[in-house]
């Protein structure tokens, strides 16, 4: 696979710069040769099975969604040795550190493009794919440890959360493209434009379905609170928070349930990341109940 990638870029291998953001268990980084460079993602056949499956899934997604939504696709390699994806590199920076209004405006513009993009029928339907993962309040209610750890304001509103949870499938259904994993490490900013990266989980969903999923990661990463950030996205066409409340409630249940699970050795730090986001998501939904 290495030889195939280098042959595609041209010239001889000089160096590579792996990314240290995100939670993938494979390789991701910029490869430099004597004739050019490219962004490469790769997982070997004997590597982390889920990461290999996600990479192959991403190849399928990128072949189906509009090419304007992601960096230029150059090569897909899929063999008995594993899989590799080669894209044009982007000279940009991840948002945050600190978060600014300009960064949020750029991301909102990119998400407006997602909302307007017709999703191919080959993408999984969010109303089917997300519901089992984002309807965890019943599980939480039956687990003393998870229930005990919740903020008191959330525990007191558990019956309301269980009711709202039932509305998730109808709320998230639609025909727009949903990235389904938007956060700072999957976004690069260059010249005022936000480029959305890492597409294995894309779905066919309601417009702006990504927004309730994105905002807790912004708040937990030192950015504005979810309700304040939402106002910036409304200037770009996002609906009211109440319109997508079942998604926010469902995602909070996913985070709180996920952070309680055992660590995944190949993906260190994931549970802490989920826990930090869960605190932000739970605080936010408590203001809307």
C-alpha atoms as a PDB file:
ATOM      1  CA  UNK A   1       0.000   0.000   0.000  1.00  0.00           C
ATOM      2  CA  UNK A   2       2.850   2.369   0.801  1.00  0.00           C
ATOM      3  CA  UNK A   3       4.376   1.806  -2.624  1.00  0.00           C
ATOM      4  CA  UNK A   4       1.030   2.358  -4.343  1.00  0.00           C
ATOM      5  CA  UNK A   5       0.478   5.645  -2.524  1.00  0.00           C
ATOM      6  CA  UNK A   6       4.004   6.910  -3.244  1.00  0.00           C
ATOM      7  CA  UNK A   7       3.698   5.928  -6.914  1.00  0.00           C
ATOM      8  CA  UNK A   8       0.452   7.899  -7.106  1.00  0.00           C
ATOM      9  CA  UNK A   9       1.991  11.038  -5.592  1.00  0.00           C
ATOM     10  CA  UNK A  10       5.091  10.618  -7.756  1.00  0.00           C
ATOM     11  CA  UNK A  11       8.794  10.772  -7.014  1.00  0.00           C
ATOM     12  CA  UNK A  12      10.528   9.272  -4.015  1.00  0.00           C
ATOM     13  CA  UNK A  13       9.389   9.329  -0.399  1.00  0.00           C
ATOM     14  CA  UNK A  14      10.816  12.186   1.646  1.00  0.00           C
ATOM     15  CA  UNK A  15       8.785  12.500   4.845  1.00  0.00           C
ATOM     16  CA  UNK A  16       5.390  12.306   6.445  1.00  0.00           C
ATOM     17  CA  UNK A  17       3.661  14.316   9.177  1.00  0.00           C
ATOM     18  CA  UNK A  18       1.051  12.292  11.086  1.00  0.00           C
ATOM     19  CA  UNK A  19      -1.908  14.078  12.617  1.00  0.00           C
ATOM     20  CA  UNK A  20      -2.190  13.877  16.386  1.00  0.00           C
ATOM     21  CA  UNK A  21      -5.833  14.938  16.587  1.00  0.00           C
ATOM     22  CA  UNK A  22      -8.902  12.729  16.523  1.00  0.00           C
ATOM     23  CA  UNK A  23      -9.611   9.175  17.611  1.00  0.00           C
ATOM     24  CA  UNK A  24      -8.756   6.972  14.647  1.00  0.00           C
ATOM     25  CA  UNK A  25      -6.509   3.962  15.258  1.00  0.00           C
ATOM     26  CA  UNK A  26      -4.941   4.028  11.780  1.00  0.00           C
ATOM     27  CA  UNK A  27      -2.482   6.362  10.070  1.00  0.00           C
ATOM     28  CA  UNK A  28      -3.555   9.866   9.036  1.00  0.00           C
ATOM     29  CA  UNK A  29      -1.116  12.500   7.857  1.00  0.00           C
ATOM     30  CA  UNK A  30       0.526  14.427   5.035  1.00  0.00           C
ATOM     31  CA  UNK A  31       2.998  12.434   2.948  1.00  0.00           C
ATOM     32  CA  UNK A  32       5.724  14.385   1.105  1.00  0.00           C
ATOM     33  CA  UNK A  33       7.652  13.061  -1.886  1.00  0.00           C
ATOM     34  CA  UNK A  34      10.208  14.638  -4.187  1.00  0.00           C
ATOM     35  CA  UNK A  35       7.361  15.528  -6.577  1.00  0.00           C
ATOM     36  CA  UNK A  36       4.383  16.390  -4.409  1.00  0.00           C
ATOM     37  CA  UNK A  37       2.362  15.678  -1.311  1.00  0.00           C
ATOM     38  CA  UNK A  38      -1.024  14.301  -0.265  1.00  0.00           C
ATOM     39  CA  UNK A  39      -3.106  13.648   2.806  1.00  0.00           C
ATOM     40  CA  UNK A  40      -3.237   9.912   3.443  1.00  0.00           C
ATOM     41  CA  UNK A  41      -5.395   7.765   5.724  1.00  0.00           C
ATOM     42  CA  UNK A  42      -4.506   4.082   6.000  1.00  0.00           C
ATOM     43  CA  UNK A  43      -5.248   1.023   8.130  1.00  0.00           C
ATOM     44  CA  UNK A  44      -3.608  -2.364   7.695  1.00  0.00           C
ATOM     45  CA  UNK A  45      -5.595  -5.572   7.454  1.00  0.00           C
ATOM     46  CA  UNK A  46      -4.340  -6.686  10.870  1.00  0.00           C
ATOM     47  CA  UNK A  47      -4.954  -3.259  12.453  1.00  0.00           C
ATOM     48  CA  UNK A  48      -7.944  -2.024  14.477  1.00  0.00           C
ATOM     49  CA  UNK A  49     -10.922  -3.698  12.803  1.00  0.00           C
ATOM     50  CA  UNK A  50     -13.401  -0.873  13.418  1.00  0.00           C
ATOM     51  CA  UNK A  51     -10.980   1.729  12.024  1.00  0.00           C
ATOM     52  CA  UNK A  52     -10.466  -0.358   8.892  1.00  0.00           C
ATOM     53  CA  UNK A  53     -14.208  -0.705   8.465  1.00  0.00           C
ATOM     54  CA  UNK A  54     -14.709   3.046   8.926  1.00  0.00           C
ATOM     55  CA  UNK A  55     -12.049   3.815   6.303  1.00  0.00           C
ATOM     56  CA  UNK A  56     -13.708   1.548   3.756  1.00  0.00           C
ATOM     57  CA  UNK A  57     -17.046   3.134   4.655  1.00  0.00           C
ATOM     58  CA  UNK A  58     -15.575   6.592   4.096  1.00  0.00           C
ATOM     59  CA  UNK A  59     -14.428   5.584   0.618  1.00  0.00           C
ATOM     60  CA  UNK A  60     -17.995   4.579  -0.196  1.00  0.00           C
ATOM     61  CA  UNK A  61     -19.401   7.850   1.172  1.00  0.00           C
ATOM     62  CA  UNK A  62     -16.945  10.037  -0.760  1.00  0.00           C
ATOM     63  CA  UNK A  63     -17.845   8.288  -3.988  1.00  0.00           C
ATOM     64  CA  UNK A  64     -21.516   9.170  -3.445  1.00  0.00           C
ATOM     65  CA  UNK A  65     -21.820  12.662  -1.913  1.00  0.00           C
ATOM     66  CA  UNK A  66     -21.241  15.919  -3.868  1.00  0.00           C
ATOM     67  CA  UNK A  67     -17.518  16.514  -4.421  1.00  0.00           C
ATOM     68  CA  UNK A  68     -17.842  20.116  -3.224  1.00  0.00           C
ATOM     69  CA  UNK A  69     -18.365  18.913   0.349  1.00  0.00           C
ATOM     70  CA  UNK A  70     -14.911  17.413   0.948  1.00  0.00           C
ATOM     71  CA  UNK A  71     -11.242  17.776  -0.117  1.00  0.00           C
ATOM     72  CA  UNK A  72     -10.471  16.437  -3.595  1.00  0.00           C
ATOM     73  CA  UNK A  73     -10.366  12.634  -3.661  1.00  0.00           C
ATOM     74  CA  UNK A  74      -7.279  11.329  -5.465  1.00  0.00           C
ATOM     75  CA  UNK A  75      -7.016   7.602  -4.827  1.00  0.00           C
ATOM     76  CA  UNK A  76      -8.655   4.704  -2.978  1.00  0.00           C
ATOM     77  CA  UNK A  77      -6.675   1.551  -2.267  1.00  0.00           C
ATOM     78  CA  UNK A  78      -8.514  -1.487  -0.927  1.00  0.00           C
ATOM     79  CA  UNK A  79      -6.775  -4.855  -0.858  1.00  0.00           C
ATOM     80  CA  UNK A  80      -6.041  -7.867   1.308  1.00  0.00           C
ATOM     81  CA  UNK A  81      -3.302  -5.788   2.954  1.00  0.00           C
ATOM     82  CA  UNK A  82      -5.746  -3.133   4.162  1.00  0.00           C
ATOM     83  CA  UNK A  83      -7.059   0.179   2.850  1.00  0.00           C
ATOM     84  CA  UNK A  84      -5.700   3.644   2.080  1.00  0.00           C
ATOM     85  CA  UNK A  85      -7.414   6.877   1.097  1.00  0.00           C
ATOM     86  CA  UNK A  86      -5.509   9.698  -0.624  1.00  0.00           C
ATOM     87  CA  UNK A  87      -6.857  13.259  -0.678  1.00  0.00           C
ATOM     88  CA  UNK A  88      -5.558  16.699  -1.575  1.00  0.00           C
ATOM     89  CA  UNK A  89      -3.848  18.229   1.467  1.00  0.00           C
ATOM     90  CA  UNK A  90      -5.278  21.393   3.011  1.00  0.00           C
ATOM     91  CA  UNK A  91      -2.982  23.986   4.542  1.00  0.00           C
ATOM     92  CA  UNK A  92      -5.215  25.033   7.370  1.00  0.00           C
ATOM     93  CA  UNK A  93      -5.753  25.026  11.110  1.00  0.00           C
ATOM     94  CA  UNK A  94      -8.275  23.334  13.333  1.00  0.00           C
ATOM     95  CA  UNK A  95     -10.731  25.753  14.973  1.00  0.00           C
ATOM     96  CA  UNK A  96     -10.561  26.564  18.658  1.00  0.00           C
ATOM     97  CA  UNK A  97      -7.627  27.604  20.850  1.00  0.00           C
ATOM     98  CA  UNK A  98      -9.451  29.954  21.140  1.00  0.00           C
ATOM     99  CA  UNK A  99     -12.816  29.699  19.412  1.00  0.00           C
ATOM    100  CA  UNK A 100     -13.795  32.901  17.583  1.00  0.00           C
ATOM    101  CA  UNK A 101     -16.930  34.254  15.949  1.00  0.00           C
ATOM    102  CA  UNK A 102     -15.131  34.172  12.593  1.00  0.00           C
ATOM    103  CA  UNK A 103     -14.427  30.455  12.976  1.00  0.00           C
ATOM    104  CA  UNK A 104     -18.036  29.728  13.880  1.00  0.00           C
ATOM    105  CA  UNK A 105     -19.271  31.787  10.927  1.00  0.00           C
ATOM    106  CA  UNK A 106     -17.055  29.786   8.552  1.00  0.00           C
ATOM    107  CA  UNK A 107     -18.279  26.484   9.987  1.00  0.00           C
ATOM    108  CA  UNK A 108     -21.891  27.679   9.816  1.00  0.00           C
ATOM    109  CA  UNK A 109     -21.446  28.502   6.118  1.00  0.00           C
ATOM    110  CA  UNK A 110     -20.109  24.990   5.468  1.00  0.00           C
ATOM    111  CA  UNK A 111     -22.998  23.460   7.382  1.00  0.00           C
ATOM    112  CA  UNK A 112     -25.486  25.537   5.397  1.00  0.00           C
ATOM    113  CA  UNK A 113     -24.014  23.904   2.292  1.00  0.00           C
ATOM    114  CA  UNK A 114     -24.600  20.504   3.892  1.00  0.00           C
ATOM    115  CA  UNK A 115     -28.176  21.440   4.704  1.00  0.00           C
ATOM    116  CA  UNK A 116     -28.775  22.384   1.062  1.00  0.00           C
ATOM    117  CA  UNK A 117     -27.082  19.274  -0.375  1.00  0.00           C
ATOM    118  CA  UNK A 118     -29.394  16.482  -1.479  1.00  0.00           C
ATOM    119  CA  UNK A 119     -28.199  13.261   0.103  1.00  0.00           C
ATOM    120  CA  UNK A 120     -27.741  10.262  -2.196  1.00  0.00           C
ATOM    121  CA  UNK A 121     -30.122   7.409  -1.517  1.00  0.00           C
ATOM    122  CA  UNK A 122     -27.106   5.188  -0.805  1.00  0.00           C
ATOM    123  CA  UNK A 123     -26.443   6.985   2.497  1.00  0.00           C
ATOM    124  CA  UNK A 124     -28.024   5.305   5.516  1.00  0.00           C
ATOM    125  CA  UNK A 125     -31.257   6.860   6.764  1.00  0.00           C
ATOM    126  CA  UNK A 126     -30.566   8.729  10.008  1.00  0.00           C
ATOM    127  CA  UNK A 127     -33.990   7.882  11.397  1.00  0.00           C
ATOM    128  CA  UNK A 128     -32.895   4.232  11.365  1.00  0.00           C
ATOM    129  CA  UNK A 129     -29.134   4.472  11.886  1.00  0.00           C
ATOM    130  CA  UNK A 130     -29.030   6.997  14.731  1.00  0.00           C
ATOM    131  CA  UNK A 131     -32.059   6.025  16.792  1.00  0.00           C
ATOM    132  CA  UNK A 132     -30.565   2.913  18.439  1.00  0.00           C
ATOM    133  CA  UNK A 133     -27.461   4.876  19.469  1.00  0.00           C
ATOM    134  CA  UNK A 134     -29.134   8.135  20.495  1.00  0.00           C
ATOM    135  CA  UNK A 135     -32.000   6.672  22.527  1.00  0.00           C
ATOM    136  CA  UNK A 136     -30.182   5.731  25.721  1.00  0.00           C
ATOM    137  CA  UNK A 137     -32.337   7.415  28.354  1.00  0.00           C
ATOM    138  CA  UNK A 138     -34.201   4.189  29.087  1.00  0.00           C
ATOM    139  CA  UNK A 139     -30.889   2.384  29.576  1.00  0.00           C
ATOM    140  CA  UNK A 140     -29.624   5.190  31.816  1.00  0.00           C
ATOM    141  CA  UNK A 141     -32.820   5.109  33.885  1.00  0.00           C
ATOM    142  CA  UNK A 142     -32.259   1.406  34.603  1.00  0.00           C
ATOM    143  CA  UNK A 143     -28.579   1.777  35.562  1.00  0.00           C
ATOM    144  CA  UNK A 144     -28.045   3.012  39.128  1.00  0.00           C
ATOM    145  CA  UNK A 145     -24.453   4.122  38.523  1.00  0.00           C
ATOM    146  CA  UNK A 146     -25.232   6.152  35.390  1.00  0.00           C
ATOM    147  CA  UNK A 147     -28.365   7.569  36.969  1.00  0.00           C
ATOM    148  CA  UNK A 148     -26.609   8.559  40.188  1.00  0.00           C
ATOM    149  CA  UNK A 149     -23.903  10.454  38.305  1.00  0.00           C
ATOM    150  CA  UNK A 150     -26.349  12.706  36.446  1.00  0.00           C
ATOM    151  CA  UNK A 151     -26.850  16.336  37.521  1.00  0.00           C
ATOM    152  CA  UNK A 152     -29.866  16.694  39.802  1.00  0.00           C
ATOM    153  CA  UNK A 153     -31.647  18.956  37.293  1.00  0.00           C
ATOM    154  CA  UNK A 154     -31.460  16.200  34.667  1.00  0.00           C
ATOM    155  CA  UNK A 155     -32.546  13.407  37.019  1.00  0.00           C
ATOM    156  CA  UNK A 156     -35.601  15.440  37.975  1.00  0.00           C
ATOM    157  CA  UNK A 157     -36.627  15.744  34.318  1.00  0.00           C
ATOM    158  CA  UNK A 158     -36.087  12.108  33.354  1.00  0.00           C
ATOM    159  CA  UNK A 159     -39.782  11.500  32.476  1.00  0.00           C
ATOM    160  CA  UNK A 160     -39.660  14.468  30.060  1.00  0.00           C
ATOM    161  CA  UNK A 161     -36.433  13.160  28.519  1.00  0.00           C
ATOM    162  CA  UNK A 162     -38.019   9.757  27.923  1.00  0.00           C
ATOM    163  CA  UNK A 163     -40.933  11.454  26.148  1.00  0.00           C
ATOM    164  CA  UNK A 164     -38.686  13.643  23.978  1.00  0.00           C
ATOM    165  CA  UNK A 165     -36.581  10.600  23.106  1.00  0.00           C
ATOM    166  CA  UNK A 166     -39.587   9.127  21.291  1.00  0.00           C
ATOM    167  CA  UNK A 167     -39.581  12.085  18.876  1.00  0.00           C
ATOM    168  CA  UNK A 168     -36.012  11.534  17.662  1.00  0.00           C
ATOM    169  CA  UNK A 169     -36.765   9.403  14.599  1.00  0.00           C
ATOM    170  CA  UNK A 170     -39.291  11.893  13.205  1.00  0.00           C
ATOM    171  CA  UNK A 171     -37.081  14.910  13.977  1.00  0.00           C
ATOM    172  CA  UNK A 172     -33.888  13.590  12.396  1.00  0.00           C
ATOM    173  CA  UNK A 173     -35.484  12.154   9.235  1.00  0.00           C
ATOM    174  CA  UNK A 174     -34.781  14.069   6.017  1.00  0.00           C
ATOM    175  CA  UNK A 175     -32.938  14.194   2.712  1.00  0.00           C
ATOM    176  CA  UNK A 176     -29.933  16.432   3.470  1.00  0.00           C
ATOM    177  CA  UNK A 177     -26.361  15.284   4.042  1.00  0.00           C
ATOM    178  CA  UNK A 178     -25.422  14.832   7.709  1.00  0.00           C
ATOM    179  CA  UNK A 179     -21.693  14.543   8.424  1.00  0.00           C
ATOM    180  CA  UNK A 180     -22.507  12.876  11.756  1.00  0.00           C
ATOM    181  CA  UNK A 181     -19.117  13.403  13.410  1.00  0.00           C
ATOM    182  CA  UNK A 182     -18.479  17.151  13.304  1.00  0.00           C
ATOM    183  CA  UNK A 183     -16.028  18.502  15.858  1.00  0.00           C
ATOM    184  CA  UNK A 184     -12.847  20.600  15.808  1.00  0.00           C
ATOM    185  CA  UNK A 185     -10.457  17.802  14.812  1.00  0.00           C
ATOM    186  CA  UNK A 186     -12.628  17.028  11.770  1.00  0.00           C
ATOM    187  CA  UNK A 187     -12.592  20.643  10.525  1.00  0.00           C
ATOM    188  CA  UNK A 188      -9.777  22.633   8.917  1.00  0.00           C
ATOM    189  CA  UNK A 189     -10.007  26.390   8.329  1.00  0.00           C
ATOM    190  CA  UNK A 190      -8.188  27.992   5.407  1.00  0.00           C
ATOM    191  CA  UNK A 191      -8.694  31.526   4.083  1.00  0.00           C
ATOM    192  CA  UNK A 192     -12.012  31.874   5.873  1.00  0.00           C
ATOM    193  CA  UNK A 193     -13.413  28.583   4.557  1.00  0.00           C
ATOM    194  CA  UNK A 194     -14.206  25.568   6.722  1.00  0.00           C
ATOM    195  CA  UNK A 195     -13.286  22.206   5.180  1.00  0.00           C
ATOM    196  CA  UNK A 196     -15.096  19.207   6.663  1.00  0.00           C
ATOM    197  CA  UNK A 197     -13.015  16.048   7.037  1.00  0.00           C
ATOM    198  CA  UNK A 198     -13.478  12.395   8.004  1.00  0.00           C
ATOM    199  CA  UNK A 199     -16.727  11.167   6.437  1.00  0.00           C
ATOM    200  CA  UNK A 200     -17.321   7.491   7.332  1.00  0.00           C
ATOM    201  CA  UNK A 201     -20.451   8.141   9.374  1.00  0.00           C
ATOM    202  CA  UNK A 202     -22.386  10.333   6.913  1.00  0.00           C
ATOM    203  CA  UNK A 203     -26.168   9.915   6.838  1.00  0.00           C
ATOM    204  CA  UNK A 204     -29.287  11.099   5.056  1.00  0.00           C
ATOM    205  CA  UNK A 205     -30.978  13.339   7.599  1.00  0.00           C
ATOM    206  CA  UNK A 206     -32.833  16.544   8.411  1.00  0.00           C
ATOM    207  CA  UNK A 207     -31.125  19.844   7.511  1.00  0.00           C
ATOM    208  CA  UNK A 208     -28.805  21.052  10.293  1.00  0.00           C
ATOM    209  CA  UNK A 209     -28.998  17.726  12.149  1.00  0.00           C
ATOM    210  CA  UNK A 210     -25.250  18.063  12.829  1.00  0.00           C
ATOM    211  CA  UNK A 211     -25.660  21.252  14.843  1.00  0.00           C
ATOM    212  CA  UNK A 212     -26.922  19.796  18.159  1.00  0.00           C
ATOM    213  CA  UNK A 213     -24.085  17.270  17.916  1.00  0.00           C
ATOM    214  CA  UNK A 214     -21.378  19.850  17.211  1.00  0.00           C
ATOM    215  CA  UNK A 215     -22.134  22.481  19.840  1.00  0.00           C
ATOM    216  CA  UNK A 216     -21.343  20.462  23.012  1.00  0.00           C
ATOM    217  CA  UNK A 217     -17.836  19.812  21.651  1.00  0.00           C
ATOM    218  CA  UNK A 218     -17.377  23.561  21.124  1.00  0.00           C
ATOM    219  CA  UNK A 219     -18.498  24.404  24.655  1.00  0.00           C
ATOM    220  CA  UNK A 220     -16.406  21.642  26.229  1.00  0.00           C
ATOM    221  CA  UNK A 221     -13.427  22.822  24.176  1.00  0.00           C
ATOM    222  CA  UNK A 222     -13.488  26.301  25.708  1.00  0.00           C
ATOM    223  CA  UNK A 223     -15.823  27.944  23.201  1.00  0.00           C
ATOM    224  CA  UNK A 224     -19.116  29.749  23.818  1.00  0.00           C
ATOM    225  CA  UNK A 225     -22.005  27.977  25.467  1.00  0.00           C
ATOM    226  CA  UNK A 226     -24.251  26.004  23.156  1.00  0.00           C
ATOM    227  CA  UNK A 227     -27.142  28.464  23.320  1.00  0.00           C
ATOM    228  CA  UNK A 228     -24.865  31.420  22.527  1.00  0.00           C
ATOM    229  CA  UNK A 229     -23.122  29.667  19.643  1.00  0.00           C
ATOM    230  CA  UNK A 230     -26.481  28.624  18.154  1.00  0.00           C
ATOM    231  CA  UNK A 231     -27.338  32.285  17.481  1.00  0.00           C
ATOM    232  CA  UNK A 232     -24.376  32.532  15.080  1.00  0.00           C
ATOM    233  CA  UNK A 233     -25.609  29.506  13.144  1.00  0.00           C
ATOM    234  CA  UNK A 234     -29.130  30.943  12.974  1.00  0.00           C
ATOM    235  CA  UNK A 235     -27.727  33.804  10.882  1.00  0.00           C
ATOM    236  CA  UNK A 236     -26.814  31.152   8.301  1.00  0.00           C
ATOM    237  CA  UNK A 237     -30.267  29.554   8.222  1.00  0.00           C
ATOM    238  CA  UNK A 238     -30.261  27.128  11.149  1.00  0.00           C
ATOM    239  CA  UNK A 239     -33.660  26.488  12.772  1.00  0.00           C
ATOM    240  CA  UNK A 240     -34.425  27.223  16.414  1.00  0.00           C
ATOM    241  CA  UNK A 241     -32.853  24.972  19.082  1.00  0.00           C
ATOM    242  CA  UNK A 242     -36.333  23.786  20.063  1.00  0.00           C
ATOM    243  CA  UNK A 243     -36.906  22.429  16.545  1.00  0.00           C
ATOM    244  CA  UNK A 244     -33.967  20.045  16.943  1.00  0.00           C
ATOM    245  CA  UNK A 245     -34.320  19.444  20.698  1.00  0.00           C
ATOM    246  CA  UNK A 246     -34.875  15.663  20.338  1.00  0.00           C
ATOM    247  CA  UNK A 247     -31.472  15.396  18.617  1.00  0.00           C
ATOM    248  CA  UNK A 248     -29.764  17.357  21.399  1.00  0.00           C
ATOM    249  CA  UNK A 249     -31.495  15.191  24.016  1.00  0.00           C
ATOM    250  CA  UNK A 250     -30.622  12.010  22.151  1.00  0.00           C
ATOM    251  CA  UNK A 251     -26.982  12.964  21.676  1.00  0.00           C
ATOM    252  CA  UNK A 252     -26.676  13.782  25.380  1.00  0.00           C
ATOM    253  CA  UNK A 253     -27.887  10.275  26.197  1.00  0.00           C
ATOM    254  CA  UNK A 254     -25.367   8.778  23.763  1.00  0.00           C
ATOM    255  CA  UNK A 255     -22.514  10.720  25.374  1.00  0.00           C
ATOM    256  CA  UNK A 256     -23.505   9.905  28.957  1.00  0.00           C
ATOM    257  CA  UNK A 257     -23.968   6.223  28.154  1.00  0.00           C
ATOM    258  CA  UNK A 258     -20.734   6.080  26.125  1.00  0.00           C
ATOM    259  CA  UNK A 259     -18.534   7.709  28.755  1.00  0.00           C
ATOM    260  CA  UNK A 260     -19.496   4.951  31.213  1.00  0.00           C
ATOM    261  CA  UNK A 261     -18.217   2.132  28.984  1.00  0.00           C
ATOM    262  CA  UNK A 262     -14.750   0.546  29.281  1.00  0.00           C
ATOM    263  CA  UNK A 263     -11.858   2.280  27.569  1.00  0.00           C
ATOM    264  CA  UNK A 264     -10.907   1.143  24.065  1.00  0.00           C
ATOM    265  CA  UNK A 265      -7.137   0.422  24.158  1.00  0.00           C
ATOM    266  CA  UNK A 266      -6.635   1.469  20.537  1.00  0.00           C
ATOM    267  CA  UNK A 267      -8.456   4.784  21.064  1.00  0.00           C
ATOM    268  CA  UNK A 268      -7.123   6.309  24.289  1.00  0.00           C
ATOM    269  CA  UNK A 269      -8.893   9.372  25.633  1.00  0.00           C
ATOM    270  CA  UNK A 270     -12.235   8.692  23.957  1.00  0.00           C
ATOM    271  CA  UNK A 271     -14.206   8.179  27.178  1.00  0.00           C
ATOM    272  CA  UNK A 272     -12.841  11.370  28.766  1.00  0.00           C
ATOM    273  CA  UNK A 273     -13.691  13.260  25.560  1.00  0.00           C
ATOM    274  CA  UNK A 274     -17.253  11.901  25.710  1.00  0.00           C
ATOM    275  CA  UNK A 275     -17.522  12.776  29.402  1.00  0.00           C
ATOM    276  CA  UNK A 276     -16.476  16.386  28.819  1.00  0.00           C
ATOM    277  CA  UNK A 277     -18.985  16.759  25.995  1.00  0.00           C
ATOM    278  CA  UNK A 278     -21.689  15.059  28.039  1.00  0.00           C
ATOM    279  CA  UNK A 279     -21.373  17.665  30.799  1.00  0.00           C
ATOM    280  CA  UNK A 280     -21.864  20.455  28.250  1.00  0.00           C
ATOM    281  CA  UNK A 281     -24.758  18.676  26.524  1.00  0.00           C
ATOM    282  CA  UNK A 282     -26.545  17.922  29.796  1.00  0.00           C
ATOM    283  CA  UNK A 283     -26.152  21.504  31.018  1.00  0.00           C
ATOM    284  CA  UNK A 284     -27.542  22.786  27.712  1.00  0.00           C
ATOM    285  CA  UNK A 285     -30.605  20.555  27.503  1.00  0.00           C
ATOM    286  CA  UNK A 286     -31.430  21.323  31.152  1.00  0.00           C
ATOM    287  CA  UNK A 287     -32.011  24.949  30.057  1.00  0.00           C
ATOM    288  CA  UNK A 288     -34.499  23.864  27.371  1.00  0.00           C
ATOM    289  CA  UNK A 289     -36.640  21.391  29.316  1.00  0.00           C
END
